[in-house]
């Protein structure tokens, strides 16, 4: 599988049916699993044997789909969660605890910003936000003795800044902590952060991976490359005995490639229960099978719309890393040589009022709290996804009040441009 192209992995990875078995991944829509003896089940609870006993922790349908996503990202193990928010929380909380510190890019999705800055702060985990354009010196200055992770988004939602993954990975590794990258927008079809030094990759599978607005979900992929034992004092949850599992030391028992996802499942999924339903995992897999075909069309439409908007007098600014005039064009050429995604962010002259007036007049593009779908949709982040942020925080995140985030779907690009042209007029 390692030698196969990404398109083949989208279709084939994660599940190989045996003779006479279902060709499509079966939906194991069962909460529980039957065993002949208590001893057999006990081995599962002791993590002495692999298998299934309760879908809150693991389910065969989910595991097949997670294995496909791991293969797409070039990781060693993966797990599904109920949403992208749950994936980011689990990925960070699996290595952070009360008294820990996170370094995060300031240019991230508003929901994730709130998760880290507000909710995790209530759990005793502090954060320092840094500009995605920070120098090595500025990055180094953000670290503390209690820093346990670095976080960023490959392409930020909705500012569309491109993360210099190598720079952030090198900074994380200089300080002995992993880099966690949310790769939702490019998907592994257009970028694989692990190849650039990321240690953990997360996804809101609700977006392009599903691609049809059918199922909310998330995923976490472990590269298996971060040496937890080499930094044992920083990550006691992985390197010291877990009393809730008979003193198991995850990094010893499951090794560098199995420790992170096993702990995340055995502890966090056990206690928080943010499992993706098998039915949603099945729908996600249908989306994954065409991901490599859909992403180039999203990129084609995104670039065409961005180029059109750039020429319109009503538009103050267009952000799309595929434009040669974009601040992140050179980084995009490095990390996203086949293009990034179909999302275009642009600022209309006239601020919030102009954005609302423009969106009302659209016929094809629907106003939705959604993005990365087969159908074109748009929203004004300042009045929706990022409305909890102050004007100062909005500015820091690169999201002016008049910004419109348009997610270009799979329609004909000429029709999308005609719809936008009509709304602008």
Protein backbone atom coordinates (compact mmCIF):
# COMPACT_ATOMS: atom_id res chain seq x y z
CA UNK A 1 0.00 0.00 0.00
CA UNK A 2 2.91 2.39 0.70
CA UNK A 3 3.86 2.31 -2.98
CA UNK A 4 0.34 2.91 -4.29
CA UNK A 5 -0.76 6.30 -5.57
CA UNK A 6 -3.12 8.44 -3.52
CA UNK A 7 -6.09 7.73 -5.82
CA UNK A 8 -5.71 3.99 -5.40
CA UNK A 9 -5.53 4.42 -1.62
CA UNK A 10 -8.74 6.50 -1.67
CA UNK A 11 -10.54 3.60 -3.31
CA UNK A 12 -8.82 0.53 -1.88
CA UNK A 13 -7.11 1.24 1.46
CA UNK A 14 -8.40 0.21 4.88
CA UNK A 15 -10.50 -2.81 3.92
CA UNK A 16 -9.78 -5.93 1.89
CA UNK A 17 -12.68 -8.40 1.78
CA UNK A 18 -12.00 -12.11 2.01
CA UNK A 19 -13.54 -14.76 -0.21
CA UNK A 20 -17.30 -14.30 -0.25
CA UNK A 21 -17.24 -11.28 2.08
CA UNK A 22 -19.02 -7.95 1.39
CA UNK A 23 -17.24 -5.84 -1.25
CA UNK A 24 -18.25 -2.60 0.50
CA UNK A 25 -17.23 -1.96 4.10
CA UNK A 26 -20.06 -3.46 6.19
CA UNK A 27 -21.93 -1.23 8.64
CA UNK A 28 -21.62 -2.90 12.04
CA UNK A 29 -24.55 -1.02 13.57
CA UNK A 30 -24.28 -2.65 16.98
CA UNK A 31 -23.58 -1.13 20.36
CA UNK A 32 -22.01 -4.27 21.77
CA UNK A 33 -20.33 -7.59 20.94
CA UNK A 34 -20.90 -11.08 22.33
CA UNK A 35 -18.22 -13.29 23.93
CA UNK A 36 -18.26 -16.90 25.09
CA UNK A 37 -16.50 -16.30 28.41
CA UNK A 38 -15.81 -13.47 30.82
CA UNK A 39 -12.13 -14.34 30.47
CA UNK A 40 -12.24 -13.57 26.73
CA UNK A 41 -13.84 -10.20 27.38
CA UNK A 42 -11.52 -9.49 30.30
CA UNK A 43 -8.49 -9.64 27.99
CA UNK A 44 -9.99 -6.78 25.98
CA UNK A 45 -10.58 -4.64 29.07
CA UNK A 46 -6.98 -5.31 30.14
CA UNK A 47 -5.69 -4.35 26.65
CA UNK A 48 -4.16 -7.81 26.42
CA UNK A 49 -6.05 -8.72 23.23
CA UNK A 50 -7.42 -6.80 20.24
CA UNK A 51 -11.12 -6.87 19.49
CA UNK A 52 -14.42 -5.15 20.15
CA UNK A 53 -16.65 -5.03 23.19
CA UNK A 54 -18.47 -1.70 23.04
CA UNK A 55 -18.86 0.73 20.14
CA UNK A 56 -18.17 3.77 22.35
CA UNK A 57 -14.52 2.74 22.23
CA UNK A 58 -14.12 0.96 18.89
CA UNK A 59 -16.18 -0.40 16.04
CA UNK A 60 -15.03 -2.45 13.00
CA UNK A 61 -16.65 -0.10 10.47
CA UNK A 62 -14.90 2.90 12.03
CA UNK A 63 -11.57 1.09 12.20
CA UNK A 64 -11.63 0.23 8.48
CA UNK A 65 -12.28 3.86 7.58
CA UNK A 66 -9.67 5.12 10.06
CA UNK A 67 -7.14 2.75 8.50
CA UNK A 68 -7.88 4.24 5.08
CA UNK A 69 -7.30 7.78 6.38
CA UNK A 70 -4.03 6.67 8.03
CA UNK A 71 -2.91 5.23 4.68
CA UNK A 72 -3.84 8.46 2.88
CA UNK A 73 -1.83 10.60 5.33
CA UNK A 74 1.11 8.20 5.53
CA UNK A 75 0.51 7.60 9.24
CA UNK A 76 0.82 4.43 11.30
CA UNK A 77 -2.53 4.54 13.12
CA UNK A 78 -5.73 6.57 13.21
CA UNK A 79 -9.08 6.89 14.94
CA UNK A 80 -12.42 8.48 14.10
CA UNK A 81 -14.23 10.95 16.34
CA UNK A 82 -17.73 12.43 16.35
CA UNK A 83 -16.54 15.76 14.88
CA UNK A 84 -13.47 17.74 13.90
CA UNK A 85 -13.73 19.66 17.16
CA UNK A 86 -13.53 16.37 19.09
CA UNK A 87 -10.52 15.33 16.99
CA UNK A 88 -8.58 18.50 17.81
CA UNK A 89 -9.52 18.33 21.49
CA UNK A 90 -8.52 14.67 21.79
CA UNK A 91 -5.26 15.19 19.87
CA UNK A 92 -4.19 17.96 22.26
CA UNK A 93 -5.68 16.67 25.52
CA UNK A 94 -4.07 13.26 24.93
CA UNK A 95 -0.68 14.88 25.63
CA UNK A 96 -1.70 17.88 27.75
CA UNK A 97 -3.10 18.04 31.27
CA UNK A 98 -3.67 20.59 34.02
CA UNK A 99 -0.61 22.87 34.08
CA UNK A 100 0.39 22.27 30.44
CA UNK A 101 0.97 24.92 27.77
CA UNK A 102 0.28 24.95 24.02
CA UNK A 103 1.85 27.08 21.29
CA UNK A 104 -0.71 27.65 18.51
CA UNK A 105 -0.94 29.61 15.31
CA UNK A 106 -3.29 32.57 15.75
CA UNK A 107 -4.72 31.97 12.30
CA UNK A 108 -7.05 29.02 12.90
CA UNK A 109 -10.75 28.21 12.77
CA UNK A 110 -12.78 30.21 15.31
CA UNK A 111 -14.20 27.09 16.95
CA UNK A 112 -10.71 25.71 17.53
CA UNK A 113 -9.50 29.10 18.78
CA UNK A 114 -12.28 29.07 21.39
CA UNK A 115 -11.59 25.43 22.28
CA UNK A 116 -7.94 26.19 23.07
CA UNK A 117 -8.23 29.75 24.41
CA UNK A 118 -11.40 29.40 26.49
CA UNK A 119 -12.49 25.83 27.21
CA UNK A 120 -9.06 24.24 27.65
CA UNK A 121 -8.01 27.25 29.72
CA UNK A 122 -10.76 26.30 32.18
CA UNK A 123 -9.08 22.89 32.40
CA UNK A 124 -5.81 24.52 33.43
CA UNK A 125 -4.12 24.39 30.01
CA UNK A 126 -2.73 27.73 28.83
CA UNK A 127 -1.89 28.83 25.29
CA UNK A 128 0.35 31.30 23.54
CA UNK A 129 -0.87 32.28 20.07
CA UNK A 130 1.78 33.18 17.51
CA UNK A 131 1.50 34.60 14.02
CA UNK A 132 1.73 31.95 11.28
CA UNK A 133 4.42 34.25 9.85
CA UNK A 134 6.46 34.26 13.07
CA UNK A 135 10.24 34.02 12.73
CA UNK A 136 12.22 31.19 14.32
CA UNK A 137 13.20 33.56 17.11
CA UNK A 138 9.59 34.58 17.75
CA UNK A 139 8.51 30.95 17.74
CA UNK A 140 11.23 29.94 20.19
CA UNK A 141 10.24 32.79 22.50
CA UNK A 142 6.68 31.40 22.74
CA UNK A 143 7.79 28.11 24.32
CA UNK A 144 7.80 27.49 28.06
CA UNK A 145 9.06 24.70 30.28
CA UNK A 146 5.52 23.32 30.40
CA UNK A 147 4.85 23.48 26.62
CA UNK A 148 3.56 20.10 25.43
CA UNK A 149 2.35 20.69 21.85
CA UNK A 150 2.36 23.04 18.87
CA UNK A 151 -0.82 23.42 16.80
CA UNK A 152 -1.68 24.91 13.41
CA UNK A 153 -3.80 24.46 10.28
CA UNK A 154 -2.29 23.64 6.87
CA UNK A 155 -4.65 26.16 5.27
CA UNK A 156 -6.36 28.26 7.92
CA UNK A 157 -10.14 28.55 7.97
CA UNK A 158 -11.16 31.16 6.82
CA UNK A 159 -8.07 33.40 6.56
CA UNK A 160 -6.44 30.94 4.09
CA UNK A 161 -2.98 31.52 5.49
CA UNK A 162 -0.62 28.65 4.64
CA UNK A 163 1.31 27.18 7.55
CA UNK A 164 5.07 26.80 7.07
CA UNK A 165 4.88 23.22 8.35
CA UNK A 166 8.63 22.60 8.30
CA UNK A 167 9.34 25.77 10.28
CA UNK A 168 6.72 24.96 12.92
CA UNK A 169 7.80 21.30 13.07
CA UNK A 170 11.45 22.25 13.56
CA UNK A 171 10.50 24.66 16.35
CA UNK A 172 8.38 22.00 18.06
CA UNK A 173 11.14 19.43 17.82
CA UNK A 174 13.79 21.86 19.09
CA UNK A 175 11.70 22.03 22.27
CA UNK A 176 10.95 18.30 22.43
CA UNK A 177 7.21 18.43 21.67
CA UNK A 178 5.06 17.24 18.74
CA UNK A 179 3.47 19.36 16.02
CA UNK A 180 -0.27 18.79 15.56
CA UNK A 181 -1.62 19.95 12.18
CA UNK A 182 -5.26 20.23 11.14
CA UNK A 183 -5.19 19.23 7.46
CA UNK A 184 -8.93 19.58 6.77
CA UNK A 185 -8.83 22.01 3.83
CA UNK A 186 -6.16 20.51 1.54
CA UNK A 187 -6.89 16.88 2.54
CA UNK A 188 -4.08 14.34 2.03
CA UNK A 189 -4.75 14.55 -1.72
CA UNK A 190 -3.13 18.01 -1.82
CA UNK A 191 -0.86 17.96 1.26
CA UNK A 192 0.49 15.35 3.65
CA UNK A 193 1.89 17.24 6.64
CA UNK A 194 3.68 14.16 8.04
CA UNK A 195 6.02 14.31 5.04
CA UNK A 196 7.00 17.83 6.17
CA UNK A 197 7.62 16.97 9.83
CA UNK A 198 4.16 17.02 11.47
CA UNK A 199 3.68 14.35 14.16
CA UNK A 200 -0.11 14.25 14.52
CA UNK A 201 -2.65 15.16 11.81
CA UNK A 202 -6.31 15.94 12.45
CA UNK A 203 -9.33 16.36 10.19
CA UNK A 204 -12.87 17.54 10.26
CA UNK A 205 -14.04 14.71 8.00
CA UNK A 206 -17.33 16.65 7.76
CA UNK A 207 -15.67 18.74 5.06
CA UNK A 208 -14.01 17.52 1.84
CA UNK A 209 -13.48 13.95 3.02
CA UNK A 210 -17.25 13.44 3.29
CA UNK A 211 -17.77 16.11 0.65
CA UNK A 212 -21.55 15.95 0.44
CA UNK A 213 -22.78 17.52 3.69
CA UNK A 214 -24.07 14.15 4.89
CA UNK A 215 -22.16 13.21 8.04
CA UNK A 216 -20.36 15.12 10.79
CA UNK A 217 -17.10 13.52 11.88
CA UNK A 218 -13.42 13.87 12.70
CA UNK A 219 -10.19 11.89 12.50
CA UNK A 220 -6.79 11.79 14.21
CA UNK A 221 -3.73 10.29 12.51
CA UNK A 222 -0.48 9.48 14.31
CA UNK A 223 2.73 9.55 12.27
CA UNK A 224 4.37 7.15 14.72
CA UNK A 225 7.55 9.23 14.42
CA UNK A 226 7.57 11.14 17.70
CA UNK A 227 9.70 9.44 20.35
CA UNK A 228 7.65 9.77 23.54
CA UNK A 229 10.19 7.92 25.69
CA UNK A 230 12.94 10.33 24.64
CA UNK A 231 10.88 13.08 26.30
CA UNK A 232 9.38 10.90 29.02
CA UNK A 233 9.22 13.65 31.65
CA UNK A 234 7.00 15.81 29.39
CA UNK A 235 4.44 13.09 28.61
CA UNK A 236 3.77 11.06 31.76
CA UNK A 237 0.41 9.91 30.41
CA UNK A 238 2.24 7.94 27.75
CA UNK A 239 5.45 7.04 29.58
CA UNK A 240 4.29 6.30 33.12
CA UNK A 241 1.88 3.61 34.40
CA UNK A 242 -1.84 4.18 33.82
CA UNK A 243 -3.55 3.10 37.03
CA UNK A 244 -6.91 2.90 35.25
CA UNK A 245 -5.48 0.10 33.07
CA UNK A 246 -3.55 -1.98 35.60
CA UNK A 247 -0.38 0.07 35.34
CA UNK A 248 0.12 -0.19 31.58
CA UNK A 249 2.81 2.12 30.16
CA UNK A 250 1.49 2.89 26.68
CA UNK A 251 4.81 3.86 25.09
CA UNK A 252 6.39 0.62 26.31
CA UNK A 253 3.53 -1.81 25.66
CA UNK A 254 2.38 -0.42 22.30
CA UNK A 255 5.59 1.19 21.08
CA UNK A 256 6.20 4.48 19.35
CA UNK A 257 3.69 3.67 16.59
CA UNK A 258 0.86 2.44 18.80
CA UNK A 259 1.03 4.43 22.02
CA UNK A 260 -0.73 7.67 21.04
CA UNK A 261 -3.85 6.24 19.39
CA UNK A 262 -4.18 3.42 21.93
CA UNK A 263 -4.11 5.89 24.84
CA UNK A 264 -6.47 8.24 23.01
CA UNK A 265 -8.95 5.39 22.54
CA UNK A 266 -8.50 3.62 25.89
CA UNK A 267 -8.65 6.82 27.98
CA UNK A 268 -10.30 9.71 26.15
CA UNK A 269 -12.84 7.83 24.05
CA UNK A 270 -13.66 5.72 27.09
CA UNK A 271 -14.28 8.80 29.23
CA UNK A 272 -15.65 11.37 26.78
CA UNK A 273 -17.42 9.04 24.35
CA UNK A 274 -17.09 11.25 21.23
CA UNK A 275 -17.43 8.28 18.88
CA UNK A 276 -18.39 8.59 15.22
CA UNK A 277 -21.42 6.45 14.42
CA UNK A 278 -20.79 3.44 12.13
CA UNK A 279 -23.42 4.82 9.73
CA UNK A 280 -21.51 8.12 9.48
CA UNK A 281 -18.23 6.25 8.99
CA UNK A 282 -19.83 4.33 6.11
CA UNK A 283 -20.95 7.61 4.48
CA UNK A 284 -17.48 9.08 5.06
CA UNK A 285 -15.91 6.14 3.23
CA UNK A 286 -18.15 6.75 0.20
CA UNK A 287 -16.81 10.31 0.13
CA UNK A 288 -13.20 9.15 0.49
CA UNK A 289 -13.54 6.88 -2.55
CA UNK A 290 -13.93 9.92 -4.82
CA UNK A 291 -11.78 12.43 -2.88
CA UNK A 292 -8.92 12.31 -5.40
CA UNK A 293 -11.35 13.02 -8.25
CA UNK A 294 -13.22 15.84 -6.48
CA UNK A 295 -10.31 17.87 -5.07
CA UNK A 296 -8.86 18.96 -8.45
CA UNK A 297 -12.31 20.26 -9.48
CA UNK A 298 -12.69 22.20 -6.22
CA UNK A 299 -9.25 23.73 -6.82
CA UNK A 300 -10.09 24.58 -10.45
CA UNK A 301 -13.31 26.34 -9.40
CA UNK A 302 -11.66 28.10 -6.47
CA UNK A 303 -8.88 29.51 -8.63
CA UNK A 304 -11.30 30.66 -11.36
CA UNK A 305 -13.53 32.45 -8.84
CA UNK A 306 -10.52 34.02 -7.08
CA UNK A 307 -9.16 35.36 -10.37
CA UNK A 308 -12.58 36.81 -11.27
CA UNK A 309 -13.04 38.46 -7.87
CA UNK A 310 -9.57 39.99 -8.05
CA UNK A 311 -10.71 42.11 -11.02
CA UNK A 312 -13.93 43.43 -9.46
CA UNK A 313 -14.01 47.06 -8.21
CA UNK A 314 -16.40 46.17 -5.33
CA UNK A 315 -13.78 43.80 -3.86
CA UNK A 316 -11.18 45.20 -1.47
CA UNK A 317 -9.00 42.09 -1.25
CA UNK A 318 -8.97 38.41 -2.27
CA UNK A 319 -7.21 35.70 -0.27
CA UNK A 320 -6.47 32.51 -2.18
CA UNK A 321 -2.99 30.96 -1.97
CA UNK A 322 -3.21 29.83 -5.60
CA UNK A 323 -3.09 33.46 -6.81
CA UNK A 324 0.37 34.71 -7.73
CA UNK A 325 -0.40 37.97 -5.94
CA UNK A 326 -1.24 36.17 -2.68
CA UNK A 327 1.05 36.56 0.31
CA UNK A 328 1.24 32.77 0.71
CA UNK A 329 1.76 31.88 -2.95
CA UNK A 330 5.38 30.75 -2.49
CA UNK A 331 4.51 28.61 0.55
CA UNK A 332 1.58 27.17 -1.41
CA UNK A 333 3.90 26.23 -4.28
CA UNK A 334 6.05 24.34 -1.76
CA UNK A 335 3.38 22.57 0.27
CA UNK A 336 0.44 22.57 -2.17
CA UNK A 337 1.89 22.11 -5.68
CA UNK A 338 -1.42 20.69 -6.98
CA UNK A 339 -3.48 23.46 -5.38
CA UNK A 340 -5.01 23.79 -1.94
CA UNK A 341 -8.80 23.75 -1.86
CA UNK A 342 -11.93 25.38 -3.25
CA UNK A 343 -12.37 27.95 -0.49
CA UNK A 344 -11.89 31.62 -1.42
CA UNK A 345 -11.98 34.44 1.14
CA UNK A 346 -12.57 38.00 -0.03
CA UNK A 347 -13.26 41.34 1.60
CA UNK A 348 -15.97 43.53 0.15
CA UNK A 349 -15.79 47.31 0.26
CA UNK A 350 -18.48 48.42 2.70
CA UNK A 351 -17.77 45.92 5.47
CA UNK A 352 -20.35 43.73 7.17
CA UNK A 353 -23.36 45.40 5.50
CA UNK A 354 -21.90 44.90 2.03
CA UNK A 355 -21.14 41.24 2.79
CA UNK A 356 -24.70 40.59 3.97
CA UNK A 357 -26.23 42.38 0.97
CA UNK A 358 -24.02 40.44 -1.47
CA UNK A 359 -24.85 37.04 0.04
CA UNK A 360 -28.61 37.72 -0.05
CA UNK A 361 -28.46 38.15 -3.83
CA UNK A 362 -26.66 34.87 -4.58
CA UNK A 363 -28.77 32.19 -6.27
CA UNK A 364 -26.39 29.20 -6.61
CA UNK A 365 -24.28 29.76 -3.51
CA UNK A 366 -26.24 29.13 -0.32
CA UNK A 367 -25.59 30.85 3.02
CA UNK A 368 -24.58 27.97 5.27
CA UNK A 369 -22.48 27.26 8.36
CA UNK A 370 -20.59 24.81 6.25
CA UNK A 371 -17.68 24.60 3.88
CA UNK A 372 -15.91 22.13 1.57
CA UNK A 373 -19.04 20.64 0.05
CA UNK A 374 -20.12 19.46 -3.43
CA UNK A 375 -22.47 22.47 -3.44
CA UNK A 376 -21.17 26.04 -3.30
CA UNK A 377 -21.86 27.81 -0.02
CA UNK A 378 -20.74 30.98 1.73
CA UNK A 379 -20.88 32.92 4.98
CA UNK A 380 -19.65 36.04 6.71
CA UNK A 381 -17.44 34.70 9.56
CA UNK A 382 -17.71 37.87 11.68
CA UNK A 383 -21.46 37.29 12.13
CA UNK A 384 -21.34 33.48 12.30
CA UNK A 385 -18.42 31.12 12.99
CA UNK A 386 -16.19 33.82 14.54
CA UNK A 387 -18.83 36.02 16.20
CA UNK A 388 -17.37 35.26 19.66
CA UNK A 389 -14.11 37.01 18.71
CA UNK A 390 -13.51 40.68 19.40
CA UNK A 391 -12.62 43.02 16.52
CA UNK A 392 -9.00 42.87 17.70
CA UNK A 393 -9.03 39.04 17.69
CA UNK A 394 -10.70 39.05 14.28
CA UNK A 395 -7.94 41.29 12.95
CA UNK A 396 -5.25 39.08 14.50
CA UNK A 397 -6.82 36.04 12.86
CA UNK A 398 -6.88 37.83 9.50
CA UNK A 399 -10.69 38.02 9.37
CA UNK A 400 -11.99 41.57 8.72
CA UNK A 401 -15.71 42.22 9.36
CA UNK A 402 -16.53 42.41 5.64
CA UNK A 403 -14.92 39.07 4.82
CA UNK A 404 -16.94 36.52 2.85
CA UNK A 405 -15.81 32.90 2.85
CA UNK A 406 -16.99 31.19 -0.31
CA UNK A 407 -16.58 27.44 -0.67
CA UNK A 408 -16.65 26.63 -4.38
CA UNK A 409 -18.38 23.32 -5.01
CA UNK A 410 -18.45 21.04 -8.03
CA UNK A 411 -20.75 23.13 -10.24
CA UNK A 412 -19.60 24.57 -13.55
CA UNK A 413 -17.21 27.45 -12.85
CA UNK A 414 -18.87 29.70 -15.49
CA UNK A 415 -22.18 29.39 -13.62
CA UNK A 416 -20.52 30.22 -10.30
CA UNK A 417 -18.88 33.32 -11.75
CA UNK A 418 -22.18 34.44 -13.33
CA UNK A 419 -23.92 34.08 -9.94
CA UNK A 420 -21.24 36.16 -8.22
CA UNK A 421 -21.26 38.76 -10.98
CA UNK A 422 -25.02 39.18 -10.63
CA UNK A 423 -24.82 39.49 -6.82
CA UNK A 424 -22.05 42.12 -7.06
CA UNK A 425 -24.06 44.19 -9.53
